[in-house]
PDB file of N, CA and C in Angstrom:
ATOM      1  N   LEU A   1      18.429  11.644  -5.840  1.00  0.00           N
ATOM      2  CA  LEU A   1      18.066  12.984  -5.453  1.00  0.00           C
ATOM      3  C   LEU A   1      16.769  13.407  -6.153  1.00  0.00           C
ATOM      4  N   SER A   2      16.626  13.020  -7.418  1.00  0.00           N
ATOM      5  CA  SER A   2      15.408  13.399  -8.144  1.00  0.00           C
ATOM      6  C   SER A   2      14.181  12.687  -7.583  1.00  0.00           C
ATOM      7  N   ARG A   3      14.355  11.439  -7.112  1.00  0.00           N
ATOM      8  CA  ARG A   3      13.229  10.734  -6.481  1.00  0.00           C
ATOM      9  C   ARG A   3      12.793  11.433  -5.213  1.00  0.00           C
ATOM     10  N   TRP A   4      13.750  11.896  -4.430  1.00  0.00           N
ATOM     11  CA  TRP A   4      13.413  12.598  -3.208  1.00  0.00           C
ATOM     12  C   TRP A   4      12.673  13.889  -3.538  1.00  0.00           C
ATOM     13  N   ALA A   5      13.097  14.585  -4.574  1.00  0.00           N
ATOM     14  CA  ALA A   5      12.431  15.818  -4.967  1.00  0.00           C
ATOM     15  C   ALA A   5      10.991  15.536  -5.409  1.00  0.00           C
ATOM     16  N   GLN A   6      10.778  14.461  -6.137  1.00  0.00           N
ATOM     17  CA  GLN A   6       9.419  14.089  -6.533  1.00  0.00           C
ATOM     18  C   GLN A   6       8.582  13.721  -5.313  1.00  0.00           C
ATOM     19  N   TRP A   7       9.179  13.000  -4.365  1.00  0.00           N
ATOM     20  CA  TRP A   7       8.475  12.599  -3.141  1.00  0.00           C
ATOM     21  C   TRP A   7       8.050  13.841  -2.353  1.00  0.00           C
ATOM     22  N   ALA A   8       8.912  14.841  -2.293  1.00  0.00           N
ATOM     23  CA  ALA A   8       8.628  16.057  -1.534  1.00  0.00           C
ATOM     24  C   ALA A   8       7.466  16.841  -2.143  1.00  0.00           C
ATOM     25  N   LYS A   9       7.248  16.704  -3.431  1.00  0.00           N
ATOM     26  CA  LYS A   9       6.163  17.429  -4.111  1.00  0.00           C
ATOM     27  C   LYS A   9       4.796  16.772  -3.924  1.00  0.00           C
ATOM     28  N   LEU A  10       4.775  15.525  -3.472  1.00  0.00           N
ATOM     29  CA  LEU A  10       3.502  14.816  -3.315  1.00  0.00           C
ATOM     30  C   LEU A  10       2.696  15.376  -2.159  1.00  0.00           C
ATOM     31  N   LEU A  11       1.376  15.298  -2.291  1.00  0.00           N
ATOM     32  CA  LEU A  11       0.487  15.642  -1.187  1.00  0.00           C
ATOM     33  C   LEU A  11       0.629  14.587  -0.097  1.00  0.00           C
ATOM     34  N   PRO A  12       0.372  14.923   1.152  1.00  0.00           N
ATOM     35  CA  PRO A  12       0.483  13.932   2.229  1.00  0.00           C
ATOM     36  C   PRO A  12      -0.386  12.697   1.991  1.00  0.00           C
ATOM     37  N   ILE A  13      -1.565  12.864   1.445  1.00  0.00           N
ATOM     38  CA  ILE A  13      -2.437  11.706   1.184  1.00  0.00           C
ATOM     39  C   ILE A  13      -1.843  10.826   0.086  1.00  0.00           C
ATOM     40  N   GLU A  14      -1.150  11.428  -0.872  1.00  0.00           N
ATOM     41  CA  GLU A  14      -0.492  10.643  -1.917  1.00  0.00           C
ATOM     42  C   GLU A  14       0.667   9.848  -1.342  1.00  0.00           C
ATOM     43  N   ARG A  15       1.371  10.425  -0.392  1.00  0.00           N
ATOM     44  CA  ARG A  15       2.461   9.695   0.273  1.00  0.00           C
ATOM     45  C   ARG A  15       1.911   8.506   1.048  1.00  0.00           C
ATOM     46  N   ALA A  16       0.779   8.714   1.716  1.00  0.00           N
ATOM     47  CA  ALA A  16       0.162   7.614   2.468  1.00  0.00           C
ATOM     48  C   ALA A  16      -0.289   6.516   1.512  1.00  0.00           C
ATOM     49  N   PHE A  17      -0.890   6.893   0.392  1.00  0.00           N
ATOM     50  CA  PHE A  17      -1.371   5.898  -0.572  1.00  0.00           C
ATOM     51  C   PHE A  17      -0.229   5.144  -1.216  1.00  0.00           C
ATOM     52  N   HIS A  18       0.939   5.718  -1.191  1.00  0.00           N
ATOM     53  CA  HIS A  18       2.109   5.048  -1.765  1.00  0.00           C
ATOM     54  C   HIS A  18       2.352   3.694  -1.104  1.00  0.00           C
ATOM     55  N   ALA A  19       1.827   3.500   0.103  1.00  0.00           N
ATOM     56  CA  ALA A  19       1.969   2.207   0.794  1.00  0.00           C
ATOM     57  C   ALA A  19       1.360   1.083  -0.034  1.00  0.00           C
ATOM     58  N   ILE A  20       0.275   1.366  -0.722  1.00  0.00           N
ATOM     59  CA  ILE A  20      -0.354   0.330  -1.548  1.00  0.00           C
ATOM     60  C   ILE A  20       0.562  -0.033  -2.709  1.00  0.00           C
ATOM     61  N   ASN A  21       1.069   0.967  -3.402  1.00  0.00           N
ATOM     62  CA  ASN A  21       1.946   0.690  -4.544  1.00  0.00           C
ATOM     63  C   ASN A  21       3.251   0.027  -4.121  1.00  0.00           C
ATOM     64  N   SER A  22       3.879   0.537  -3.067  1.00  0.00           N
ATOM     65  CA  SER A  22       5.172  -0.024  -2.656  1.00  0.00           C
ATOM     66  C   SER A  22       5.022  -1.430  -2.102  1.00  0.00           C
ATOM     67  N   ASN A  23       3.927  -1.702  -1.408  1.00  0.00           N
ATOM     68  CA  ASN A  23       3.749  -3.055  -0.862  1.00  0.00           C
ATOM     69  C   ASN A  23       3.352  -4.049  -1.943  1.00  0.00           C
ATOM     70  N   LEU A  24       2.690  -3.599  -2.982  1.00  0.00           N
ATOM     71  CA  LEU A  24       2.467  -4.487  -4.117  1.00  0.00           C
ATOM     72  C   LEU A  24       3.800  -4.917  -4.716  1.00  0.00           C
ATOM     73  N   ARG A  25       4.699  -3.950  -4.898  1.00  0.00           N
ATOM     74  CA  ARG A  25       6.033  -4.272  -5.425  1.00  0.00           C
ATOM     75  C   ARG A  25       6.806  -5.156  -4.449  1.00  0.00           C
ATOM     76  N   ARG A  26       6.720  -4.842  -3.163  1.00  0.00           N
ATOM     77  CA  ARG A  26       7.449  -5.609  -2.137  1.00  0.00           C
ATOM     78  C   ARG A  26       7.025  -7.076  -2.147  1.00  0.00           C
ATOM     79  N   LEU A  27       5.750  -7.310  -2.437  1.00  0.00           N
ATOM     80  CA  LEU A  27       5.245  -8.679  -2.457  1.00  0.00           C
ATOM     81  C   LEU A  27       5.356  -9.321  -3.834  1.00  0.00           C
ATOM     82  N   GLY A  28       5.982  -8.611  -4.780  1.00  0.00           N
ATOM     83  CA  GLY A  28       6.253  -9.185  -6.094  1.00  0.00           C
ATOM     84  C   GLY A  28       5.167  -8.994  -7.132  1.00  0.00           C
ATOM     85  N   TYR A  29       4.303  -8.015  -6.951  1.00  0.00           N
ATOM     86  CA  TYR A  29       3.213  -7.774  -7.893  1.00  0.00           C
ATOM     87  C   TYR A  29       3.285  -6.343  -8.419  1.00  0.00           C
ATOM     88  N   THR A  30       4.052  -6.142  -9.458  1.00  0.00           N
ATOM     89  CA  THR A  30       4.124  -4.809 -10.044  1.00  0.00           C
ATOM     90  C   THR A  30       2.829  -4.543 -10.813  1.00  0.00           C
ATOM     91  N   GLN A  31       2.381  -3.313 -10.763  1.00  0.00           N
ATOM     92  CA  GLN A  31       1.141  -2.930 -11.399  1.00  0.00           C
ATOM     93  C   GLN A  31       1.421  -1.990 -12.570  1.00  0.00           C
ATOM     94  N   PRO A  32       0.724  -2.170 -13.678  1.00  0.00           N
ATOM     95  CA  PRO A  32       0.898  -1.241 -14.796  1.00  0.00           C
ATOM     96  C   PRO A  32       0.343   0.135 -14.444  1.00  0.00           C
ATOM     97  N   GLY A  33       0.826   1.140 -15.107  1.00  0.00           N
ATOM     98  CA  GLY A  33       0.443   2.517 -14.823  1.00  0.00           C
ATOM     99  C   GLY A  33      -1.014   2.842 -15.079  1.00  0.00           C
ATOM    100  N   TYR A  34      -1.676   2.071 -15.907  1.00  0.00           N
ATOM    101  CA  TYR A  34      -3.067   2.391 -16.224  1.00  0.00           C
ATOM    102  C   TYR A  34      -4.064   1.877 -15.184  1.00  0.00           C
ATOM    103  N   LYS A  35      -3.613   1.135 -14.196  1.00  0.00           N
ATOM    104  CA  LYS A  35      -4.513   0.643 -13.146  1.00  0.00           C
ATOM    105  C   LYS A  35      -4.963   1.800 -12.258  1.00  0.00           C
ATOM    106  N   THR A  36      -6.232   1.824 -11.919  1.00  0.00           N
ATOM    107  CA  THR A  36      -6.762   2.881 -11.062  1.00  0.00           C
ATOM    108  C   THR A  36      -6.387   2.610  -9.603  1.00  0.00           C
ATOM    109  N   PRO A  37      -6.480   3.617  -8.745  1.00  0.00           N
ATOM    110  CA  PRO A  37      -6.210   3.379  -7.320  1.00  0.00           C
ATOM    111  C   PRO A  37      -7.104   2.282  -6.727  1.00  0.00           C
ATOM    112  N   ALA A  38      -8.360   2.242  -7.126  1.00  0.00           N
ATOM    113  CA  ALA A  38      -9.268   1.204  -6.617  1.00  0.00           C
ATOM    114  C   ALA A  38      -8.835  -0.183  -7.083  1.00  0.00           C
ATOM    115  N   GLU A  39      -8.388  -0.296  -8.324  1.00  0.00           N
ATOM    116  CA  GLU A  39      -7.921  -1.590  -8.837  1.00  0.00           C
ATOM    117  C   GLU A  39      -6.662  -2.042  -8.107  1.00  0.00           C
ATOM    118  N   ARG A  40      -5.779  -1.106  -7.838  1.00  0.00           N
ATOM    119  CA  ARG A  40      -4.556  -1.451  -7.089  1.00  0.00           C
ATOM    120  C   ARG A  40      -4.896  -1.898  -5.682  1.00  0.00           C
ATOM    121  N   ALA A  41      -5.826  -1.187  -5.058  1.00  0.00           N
ATOM    122  CA  ALA A  41      -6.244  -1.559  -3.708  1.00  0.00           C
ATOM    123  C   ALA A  41      -6.885  -2.948  -3.709  1.00  0.00           C
ATOM    124  N   ASN A  42      -7.731  -3.226  -4.692  1.00  0.00           N
ATOM    125  CA  ASN A  42      -8.362  -4.552  -4.772  1.00  0.00           C
ATOM    126  C   ASN A  42      -7.350  -5.663  -5.001  1.00  0.00           C
ATOM    127  N   THR A  43      -6.338  -5.374  -5.803  1.00  0.00           N
ATOM    128  CA  THR A  43      -5.277  -6.356  -6.022  1.00  0.00           C
ATOM    129  C   THR A  43      -4.549  -6.657  -4.715  1.00  0.00           C
ATOM    130  N   LEU A  44      -4.262  -5.606  -3.956  1.00  0.00           N
ATOM    131  CA  LEU A  44      -3.567  -5.815  -2.684  1.00  0.00           C
ATOM    132  C   LEU A  44      -4.460  -6.558  -1.687  1.00  0.00           C
ATOM    133  N   ILE A  45      -5.754  -6.324  -1.736  1.00  0.00           N
ATOM    134  CA  ILE A  45      -6.671  -7.053  -0.851  1.00  0.00           C
ATOM    135  C   ILE A  45      -6.633  -8.543  -1.143  1.00  0.00           C
ATOM    136  N   THR A  46      -6.557  -8.915  -2.414  1.00  0.00           N
ATOM    137  CA  THR A  46      -6.495 -10.336  -2.756  1.00  0.00           C
ATOM    138  C   THR A  46      -5.182 -10.971  -2.298  1.00  0.00           C
ATOM    139  N   ILE A  47      -4.113 -10.193  -2.310  1.00  0.00           N
ATOM    140  CA  ILE A  47      -2.809 -10.694  -1.887  1.00  0.00           C
ATOM    141  C   ILE A  47      -2.678 -10.677  -0.369  1.00  0.00           C
ATOM    142  N   LEU A  48      -3.260  -9.679   0.272  1.00  0.00           N
ATOM    143  CA  LEU A  48      -3.088  -9.427   1.692  1.00  0.00           C
ATOM    144  C   LEU A  48      -4.454  -9.275   2.376  1.00  0.00           C
ATOM    145  N   PRO A  49      -5.237 -10.357   2.429  1.00  0.00           N
ATOM    146  CA  PRO A  49      -6.592 -10.230   2.992  1.00  0.00           C
ATOM    147  C   PRO A  49      -6.609  -9.855   4.471  1.00  0.00           C
ATOM    148  N   SER A  50      -5.539 -10.104   5.185  1.00  0.00           N
ATOM    149  CA  SER A  50      -5.496  -9.759   6.610  1.00  0.00           C
ATOM    150  C   SER A  50      -5.490  -8.249   6.850  1.00  0.00           C
ATOM    151  N   ALA A  51      -5.159  -7.461   5.832  1.00  0.00           N
ATOM    152  CA  ALA A  51      -5.134  -6.004   5.952  1.00  0.00           C
ATOM    153  C   ALA A  51      -6.260  -5.352   5.150  1.00  0.00           C
ATOM    154  N   GLU A  52      -7.306  -6.107   4.883  1.00  0.00           N
ATOM    155  CA  GLU A  52      -8.396  -5.615   4.031  1.00  0.00           C
ATOM    156  C   GLU A  52      -9.016  -4.314   4.552  1.00  0.00           C
ATOM    157  N   ASP A  53      -9.290  -4.252   5.844  1.00  0.00           N
ATOM    158  CA  ASP A  53      -9.923  -3.054   6.393  1.00  0.00           C
ATOM    159  C   ASP A  53      -9.028  -1.830   6.234  1.00  0.00           C
ATOM    160  N   ALA A  54      -7.756  -1.982   6.495  1.00  0.00           N
ATOM    161  CA  ALA A  54      -6.814  -0.871   6.359  1.00  0.00           C
ATOM    162  C   ALA A  54      -6.678  -0.438   4.902  1.00  0.00           C
ATOM    163  N   ILE A  55      -6.655  -1.394   3.996  1.00  0.00           N
ATOM    164  CA  ILE A  55      -6.531  -1.068   2.563  1.00  0.00           C
ATOM    165  C   ILE A  55      -7.772  -0.306   2.092  1.00  0.00           C
ATOM    166  N   LYS A  56      -8.936  -0.769   2.499  1.00  0.00           N
ATOM    167  CA  LYS A  56     -10.178  -0.079   2.117  1.00  0.00           C
ATOM    168  C   LYS A  56     -10.227   1.327   2.703  1.00  0.00           C
ATOM    169  N   GLU A  57      -9.802   1.481   3.949  1.00  0.00           N
ATOM    170  CA  GLU A  57      -9.794   2.798   4.581  1.00  0.00           C
ATOM    171  C   GLU A  57      -8.850   3.752   3.856  1.00  0.00           C
ATOM    172  N   LEU A  58      -7.661   3.268   3.537  1.00  0.00           N
ATOM    173  CA  LEU A  58      -6.688   4.109   2.839  1.00  0.00           C
ATOM    174  C   LEU A  58      -7.183   4.491   1.453  1.00  0.00           C
ATOM    175  N   ALA A  59      -7.759   3.540   0.736  1.00  0.00           N
ATOM    176  CA  ALA A  59      -8.293   3.835  -0.596  1.00  0.00           C
ATOM    177  C   ALA A  59      -9.447   4.841  -0.512  1.00  0.00           C
ATOM    178  N   LEU A  60     -10.296   4.690   0.491  1.00  0.00           N
ATOM    179  CA  LEU A  60     -11.408   5.629   0.676  1.00  0.00           C
ATOM    180  C   LEU A  60     -10.902   7.035   0.948  1.00  0.00           C
ATOM    181  N   GLN A  61      -9.932   7.165   1.837  1.00  0.00           N
ATOM    182  CA  GLN A  61      -9.391   8.491   2.152  1.00  0.00           C
ATOM    183  C   GLN A  61      -8.694   9.109   0.955  1.00  0.00           C
ATOM    184  N   TYR A  62      -7.985   8.299   0.197  1.00  0.00           N
ATOM    185  CA  TYR A  62      -7.294   8.786  -1.015  1.00  0.00           C
ATOM    186  C   TYR A  62      -8.302   9.284  -2.040  1.00  0.00           C
ATOM    187  N   GLN A  63      -9.330   8.507  -2.284  1.00  0.00           N
ATOM    188  CA  GLN A  63     -10.350   8.900  -3.250  1.00  0.00           C
ATOM    189  C   GLN A  63     -11.123  10.115  -2.775  1.00  0.00           C
ATOM    190  N   THR A  64     -11.366  10.199  -1.485  1.00  0.00           N
ATOM    191  CA  THR A  64     -12.049  11.363  -0.928  1.00  0.00           C
ATOM    192  C   THR A  64     -11.238  12.624  -1.165  1.00  0.00           C
ATOM    193  N   ALA A  65      -9.944  12.557  -0.922  1.00  0.00           N
ATOM    194  CA  ALA A  65      -9.082  13.725  -1.088  1.00  0.00           C
ATOM    195  C   ALA A  65      -8.950  14.163  -2.541  1.00  0.00           C
ATOM    196  N   LEU A  66      -8.835  13.207  -3.437  1.00  0.00           N
ATOM    197  CA  LEU A  66      -8.567  13.563  -4.826  1.00  0.00           C
ATOM    198  C   LEU A  66      -9.806  13.809  -5.662  1.00  0.00           C
ATOM    199  N   PHE A  67     -10.912  13.147  -5.337  1.00  0.00           N
ATOM    200  CA  PHE A  67     -12.050  13.181  -6.237  1.00  0.00           C
ATOM    201  C   PHE A  67     -13.306  13.839  -5.657  1.00  0.00           C
ATOM    202  N   THR A  68     -13.231  14.382  -4.443  1.00  0.00           N
ATOM    203  CA  THR A  68     -14.376  15.097  -3.878  1.00  0.00           C
ATOM    204  C   THR A  68     -13.906  16.434  -3.326  1.00  0.00           C
ATOM    205  N   SER A  69     -14.853  17.241  -2.918  1.00  0.00           N
ATOM    206  CA  SER A  69     -14.493  18.536  -2.330  1.00  0.00           C
ATOM    207  C   SER A  69     -14.215  18.426  -0.833  1.00  0.00           C
ATOM    208  N   ARG A  70     -14.465  17.264  -0.245  1.00  0.00           N
ATOM    209  CA  ARG A  70     -14.195  17.059   1.178  1.00  0.00           C
ATOM    210  C   ARG A  70     -12.706  16.796   1.397  1.00  0.00           C
ATOM    211  N   THR A  71     -12.274  17.025   2.617  1.00  0.00           N
ATOM    212  CA  THR A  71     -10.877  16.724   2.945  1.00  0.00           C
ATOM    213  C   THR A  71     -10.788  15.321   3.525  1.00  0.00           C
ATOM    214  N   ALA A  72      -9.694  14.699   3.292  1.00  0.00           N
ATOM    215  CA  ALA A  72      -9.478  13.326   3.794  1.00  0.00           C
ATOM    216  C   ALA A  72      -9.020  13.382   5.241  1.00  0.00           C
ATOM    217  N   ASN A  73      -9.258  12.305   5.932  1.00  0.00           N
ATOM    218  CA  ASN A  73      -8.763  12.147   7.303  1.00  0.00           C
ATOM    219  C   ASN A  73      -7.337  11.617   7.191  1.00  0.00           C
ATOM    220  N   LEU A  74      -6.388  12.519   7.227  1.00  0.00           N
ATOM    221  CA  LEU A  74      -4.989  12.168   7.002  1.00  0.00           C
ATOM    222  C   LEU A  74      -4.440  11.242   8.085  1.00  0.00           C
ATOM    223  N   SER A  75      -4.830  11.453   9.325  1.00  0.00           N
ATOM    224  CA  SER A  75      -4.312  10.586  10.385  1.00  0.00           C
ATOM    225  C   SER A  75      -4.820   9.157  10.214  1.00  0.00           C
ATOM    226  N   SER A  76      -6.049   9.010   9.790  1.00  0.00           N
ATOM    227  CA  SER A  76      -6.592   7.680   9.518  1.00  0.00           C
ATOM    228  C   SER A  76      -5.861   7.028   8.347  1.00  0.00           C
ATOM    229  N   ALA A  77      -5.579   7.809   7.332  1.00  0.00           N
ATOM    230  CA  ALA A  77      -4.860   7.294   6.165  1.00  0.00           C
ATOM    231  C   ALA A  77      -3.442   6.859   6.553  1.00  0.00           C
ATOM    232  N   ARG A  78      -2.792   7.625   7.384  1.00  0.00           N
ATOM    233  CA  ARG A  78      -1.435   7.265   7.809  1.00  0.00           C
ATOM    234  C   ARG A  78      -1.418   6.011   8.659  1.00  0.00           C
ATOM    235  N   ARG A  79      -2.407   5.881   9.565  1.00  0.00           N
ATOM    236  CA  ARG A  79      -2.498   4.661  10.379  1.00  0.00           C
ATOM    237  C   ARG A  79      -2.725   3.439   9.497  1.00  0.00           C
ATOM    238  N   ALA A  80      -3.617   3.595   8.519  1.00  0.00           N
ATOM    239  CA  ALA A  80      -3.890   2.484   7.597  1.00  0.00           C
ATOM    240  C   ALA A  80      -2.641   2.135   6.795  1.00  0.00           C
ATOM    241  N   SER A  81      -1.931   3.151   6.356  1.00  0.00           N
ATOM    242  CA  SER A  81      -0.698   2.947   5.596  1.00  0.00           C
ATOM    243  C   SER A  81       0.326   2.171   6.409  1.00  0.00           C
ATOM    244  N   LEU A  82       0.489   2.536   7.658  1.00  0.00           N
ATOM    245  CA  LEU A  82       1.429   1.848   8.532  1.00  0.00           C
ATOM    246  C   LEU A  82       1.010   0.396   8.770  1.00  0.00           C
ATOM    247  N   LYS A  83      -0.279   0.181   8.988  1.00  0.00           N
ATOM    248  CA  LYS A  83      -0.765  -1.178   9.211  1.00  0.00           C
ATOM    249  C   LYS A  83      -0.537  -2.054   7.973  1.00  0.00           C
ATOM    250  N   ILE A  84      -0.789  -1.504   6.789  1.00  0.00           N
ATOM    251  CA  ILE A  84      -0.583  -2.248   5.549  1.00  0.00           C
ATOM    252  C   ILE A  84       0.889  -2.625   5.392  1.00  0.00           C
ATOM    253  N   THR A  85       1.767  -1.668   5.632  1.00  0.00           N
ATOM    254  CA  THR A  85       3.205  -1.922   5.499  1.00  0.00           C
ATOM    255  C   THR A  85       3.672  -2.973   6.499  1.00  0.00           C
ATOM    256  N   CYS A  86       3.225  -2.881   7.734  1.00  0.00           N
ATOM    257  CA  CYS A  86       3.611  -3.884   8.748  1.00  0.00           C
ATOM    258  C   CYS A  86       3.123  -5.274   8.361  1.00  0.00           C
ATOM    259  N   GLU A  87       1.898  -5.355   7.889  1.00  0.00           N
ATOM    260  CA  GLU A  87       1.340  -6.658   7.507  1.00  0.00           C
ATOM    261  C   GLU A  87       2.067  -7.224   6.281  1.00  0.00           C
ATOM    262  N   ALA A  88       2.390  -6.375   5.319  1.00  0.00           N
ATOM    263  CA  ALA A  88       3.118  -6.844   4.138  1.00  0.00           C
ATOM    264  C   ALA A  88       4.516  -7.341   4.517  1.00  0.00           C
ATOM    265  N   LEU A  89       5.179  -6.630   5.422  1.00  0.00           N
ATOM    266  CA  LEU A  89       6.504  -7.077   5.870  1.00  0.00           C
ATOM    267  C   LEU A  89       6.396  -8.398   6.625  1.00  0.00           C
ATOM    268  N   ARG A  90       5.370  -8.551   7.428  1.00  0.00           N
ATOM    269  CA  ARG A  90       5.166  -9.810   8.156  1.00  0.00           C
ATOM    270  C   ARG A  90       4.998 -10.970   7.174  1.00  0.00           C
ATOM    271  N   ILE A  91       4.168 -10.763   6.155  1.00  0.00           N
ATOM    272  CA  ILE A  91       3.943 -11.803   5.147  1.00  0.00           C
ATOM    273  C   ILE A  91       5.231 -12.090   4.386  1.00  0.00           C
ATOM    274  N   ARG A  92       5.959 -11.059   4.058  1.00  0.00           N
ATOM    275  CA  ARG A  92       7.220 -11.252   3.326  1.00  0.00           C
ATOM    276  C   ARG A  92       8.214 -12.055   4.160  1.00  0.00           C
ATOM    277  N   ILE A  93       8.302 -11.769   5.445  1.00  0.00           N
ATOM    278  CA  ILE A  93       9.209 -12.514   6.322  1.00  0.00           C
ATOM    279  C   ILE A  93       8.773 -13.965   6.430  1.00  0.00           C
ATOM    280  N   LEU A  94       7.478 -14.205   6.546  1.00  0.00           N
ATOM    281  CA  LEU A  94       6.986 -15.579   6.618  1.00  0.00           C
ATOM    282  C   LEU A  94       7.297 -16.353   5.337  1.00  0.00           C
ATOM    283  N   LYS A  95       7.147 -15.684   4.197  1.00  0.00           N
ATOM    284  CA  LYS A  95       7.472 -16.331   2.922  1.00  0.00           C
ATOM    285  C   LYS A  95       8.961 -16.647   2.844  1.00  0.00           C
ATOM    286  N   TYR A  96       9.789 -15.738   3.333  1.00  0.00           N
ATOM    287  CA  TYR A  96      11.222 -15.962   3.315  1.00  0.00           C
ATOM    288  C   TYR A  96      11.600 -17.125   4.227  1.00  0.00           C
ATOM    289  N   LYS A  97      11.003 -17.185   5.403  1.00  0.00           N
ATOM    290  CA  LYS A  97      11.273 -18.296   6.316  1.00  0.00           C
ATOM    291  C   LYS A  97      10.854 -19.622   5.698  1.00  0.00           C
ATOM    292  N   ASP A  98       9.722 -19.634   5.041  1.00  0.00           N
ATOM    293  CA  ASP A  98       9.248 -20.846   4.373  1.00  0.00           C
ATOM    294  C   ASP A  98      10.197 -21.248   3.252  1.00  0.00           C
ATOM    295  N   TYR A  99      10.669 -20.270   2.500  1.00  0.00           N
ATOM    296  CA  TYR A  99      11.625 -20.528   1.421  1.00  0.00           C
ATOM    297  C   TYR A  99      12.914 -21.129   1.972  1.00  0.00           C
ATOM    298  N   ARG A 100      13.423 -20.542   3.061  1.00  0.00           N
ATOM    299  CA  ARG A 100      14.660 -21.046   3.665  1.00  0.00           C
ATOM    300  C   ARG A 100      14.463 -22.461   4.200  1.00  0.00           C
ATOM    301  N   LYS A 101      13.319 -22.699   4.788  1.00  0.00           N
ATOM    302  CA  LYS A 101      13.040 -24.027   5.335  1.00  0.00           C
ATOM    303  C   LYS A 101      12.991 -25.080   4.227  1.00  0.00           C
ATOM    304  N   ARG A 102      12.318 -24.751   3.122  1.00  0.00           N
ATOM    305  CA  ARG A 102      12.231 -25.698   2.004  1.00  0.00           C
ATOM    306  C   ARG A 102      13.577 -25.904   1.346  1.00  0.00           C
ATOM    307  N   ARG A 103      14.359 -24.863   1.234  1.00  0.00           N
ATOM    308  CA  ARG A 103      15.629 -24.960   0.531  1.00  0.00           C
ATOM    309  C   ARG A 103      16.680 -25.727   1.319  1.00  0.00           C
ATOM    310  N   TYR A 104      16.742 -25.504   2.617  1.00  0.00           N
ATOM    311  CA  TYR A 104      17.822 -26.079   3.405  1.00  0.00           C
ATOM    312  C   TYR A 104      17.416 -27.304   4.217  1.00  0.00           C
ATOM    313  N   ASN A 105      16.210 -27.794   4.053  1.00  0.00           N
ATOM    314  CA  ASN A 105      15.809 -29.022   4.765  1.00  0.00           C
ATOM    315  C   ASN A 105      15.592 -30.152   3.812  1.00  0.00           C
TER     316      ASN A 105
END
């Protein structure tokens, strides 16, 4: 319940950027708290190069919203977030299939 309350307090752009953090964890790469958003995005790019454009777009929109006076393009950030999550799940499924194939063959 407390996690949901914290999630509800986040700005929409922060929720979209959460895709980078959650997909890093999903792929087995936990990041320390002192890493900047750009460093986290770069780490995910090295792990998930097929989603590089979406990761860069999401990081740009996040940094625009938090560190400039301009507003971020939230719809673009959400699309990028969804693309990153789909690509991470695809990679995770492929890794699992490979693991099952190696283990049971």
